[in-house]
Amino acid sequence: MTQNVTRWDGCEVVRITHVEGQPLSQHALVRVLSEGETMLMVEVTMPAGESSPSHVHDHESVGYVVRGRVSMTVGNDTTDLGPGDAFLHPIGLAHSLTAIGTEAVWLEIKSPPTRTWE
């Protein structure tokens, strides 16, 4: 059953060590904010200097940087993002994110809802 409201302090929180089966050097946190039949919204908290390994999804993801700075690579393009910046990870295109300088927090919406972490 889909929940219409999820309280931040009642969310499922997962300490992740892998993305798409590939290891992180440090753990990151994924907070599942809302999950429906066609999309999933999570809050990702990544420690300073941590990177997600380059990986590919079979779903589309859009995101919004809340706090900190990230360096994002999609395909061959690398861009630095800060609070208020948004991004897209298209289906089938390799991408990665690195927290620059301090811990970074971003919201990410995946459609269809796919849990790509362990």
Protein backbone atom coordinates (compact mmCIF):
# COMPACT_ATOMS: atom_id res chain seq x y z
CA MET A 1 0.00 0.00 0.00
CA THR A 2 1.32 3.44 -0.93
CA GLN A 3 1.70 6.00 1.85
CA ASN A 4 0.46 9.50 1.05
CA VAL A 5 2.59 11.16 3.74
CA THR A 6 5.98 10.15 5.10
CA ARG A 7 7.49 12.00 8.07
CA TRP A 8 11.25 12.65 7.80
CA ASP A 9 11.93 11.08 11.19
CA GLY A 10 9.87 8.00 10.26
CA CYS A 11 11.57 7.24 6.93
CA GLU A 12 13.43 4.08 6.14
CA VAL A 13 17.16 4.90 6.33
CA VAL A 14 19.69 2.62 4.64
CA ARG A 15 23.45 2.77 5.17
CA ILE A 16 24.69 1.82 1.72
CA THR A 17 28.03 0.31 0.76
CA HIS A 18 27.34 -0.45 -2.94
CA VAL A 19 25.64 1.20 -5.91
CA GLU A 20 24.59 -1.06 -8.80
CA GLY A 21 26.75 -3.78 -7.20
CA GLN A 22 29.89 -1.61 -7.13
CA PRO A 23 31.51 -0.73 -3.77
CA LEU A 24 31.77 2.69 -2.16
CA SER A 25 34.97 3.42 -0.21
CA GLN A 26 32.84 4.86 2.65
CA HIS A 27 29.18 4.31 3.42
CA ALA A 28 26.55 6.81 2.34
CA LEU A 29 22.99 7.18 3.65
CA VAL A 30 19.82 6.83 1.62
CA ARG A 31 16.58 8.00 3.24
CA VAL A 32 13.49 6.71 1.42
CA LEU A 33 11.17 9.73 1.48
CA SER A 34 8.32 8.45 -0.68
CA GLU A 35 7.65 5.46 -2.88
CA GLY A 36 4.81 4.90 -5.31
CA GLU A 37 3.99 2.60 -8.18
CA THR A 38 5.86 4.67 -10.80
CA MET A 39 8.49 6.62 -8.85
CA LEU A 40 10.72 6.66 -5.78
CA MET A 41 12.10 9.75 -3.99
CA VAL A 42 15.20 9.45 -1.80
CA GLU A 43 17.52 11.78 0.08
CA VAL A 44 21.18 10.83 -0.38
CA THR A 45 23.83 11.95 2.13
CA MET A 46 27.38 11.40 0.92
CA PRO A 47 30.49 12.04 3.05
CA ALA A 48 33.08 14.58 1.87
CA GLY A 49 35.31 13.15 -0.83
CA GLU A 50 33.17 10.05 -1.40
CA SER A 51 32.20 9.11 -4.95
CA SER A 52 29.63 6.80 -6.37
CA PRO A 53 31.37 4.53 -8.85
CA SER A 54 30.48 5.16 -12.49
CA HIS A 55 27.35 3.13 -13.15
CA VAL A 56 24.38 2.78 -15.49
CA HIS A 57 20.67 2.48 -14.66
CA ASP A 58 17.77 0.98 -16.58
CA HIS A 59 15.59 3.79 -15.18
CA GLU A 60 15.62 7.59 -15.32
CA SER A 61 16.72 9.68 -12.31
CA VAL A 62 16.38 13.39 -11.66
CA GLY A 63 17.91 15.11 -8.66
CA TYR A 64 18.24 18.38 -6.74
CA VAL A 65 21.26 19.39 -4.62
CA VAL A 66 20.14 20.48 -1.15
CA ARG A 67 23.45 21.04 0.67
CA GLY A 68 27.15 20.92 -0.17
CA ARG A 69 28.74 20.63 -3.59
CA VAL A 70 29.01 17.69 -5.94
CA SER A 71 30.98 16.97 -9.06
CA MET A 72 28.77 15.00 -11.44
CA THR A 73 29.94 13.12 -14.50
CA VAL A 74 27.36 11.98 -17.05
CA GLY A 75 28.87 10.30 -20.08
CA ASN A 76 31.98 12.38 -20.88
CA ASP A 77 30.71 15.63 -19.31
CA THR A 78 31.67 16.70 -15.77
CA THR A 79 29.88 19.56 -14.00
CA ASP A 80 30.13 20.97 -10.47
CA LEU A 81 26.77 21.52 -8.78
CA GLY A 82 25.69 23.33 -5.62
CA PRO A 83 22.52 23.95 -3.64
CA GLY A 84 19.57 24.65 -5.91
CA ASP A 85 21.09 22.92 -8.95
CA ALA A 86 19.26 20.01 -10.56
CA PHE A 87 20.43 17.07 -12.66
CA LEU A 88 19.27 14.24 -14.91
CA HIS A 89 20.71 10.75 -15.25
CA PRO A 90 19.25 9.36 -18.49
CA ILE A 91 18.55 5.66 -18.94
CA GLY A 92 21.65 3.72 -19.97
CA LEU A 93 24.19 6.55 -19.66
CA ALA A 94 27.12 6.05 -17.26
CA HIS A 95 27.25 8.59 -14.42
CA SER A 96 28.83 9.25 -11.02
CA LEU A 97 28.74 11.88 -8.27
CA THR A 98 31.47 13.02 -5.86
CA ALA A 99 30.93 15.11 -2.70
CA ILE A 100 33.35 18.06 -2.95
CA GLY A 101 34.87 19.59 0.19
CA THR A 102 32.09 18.77 2.65
CA GLU A 103 29.26 16.30 3.07
CA ALA A 104 26.70 16.64 0.26
CA VAL A 105 22.94 16.03 0.35
CA TRP A 106 20.69 15.68 -2.67
CA LEU A 107 17.17 14.53 -3.45
CA GLU A 108 16.78 11.98 -6.20
CA ILE A 109 13.63 10.72 -7.91
CA LYS A 110 13.81 7.43 -9.79
CA SER A 111 11.21 6.31 -12.30
CA PRO A 112 10.25 3.55 -12.33
CA PRO A 113 11.04 3.04 -8.61
CA THR A 114 14.33 1.15 -8.46
CA ARG A 115 16.51 0.51 -5.41
CA THR A 116 20.00 0.44 -6.88
CA TRP A 117 21.91 0.28 -3.60
CA GLU A 118 22.99 -2.31 -1.05
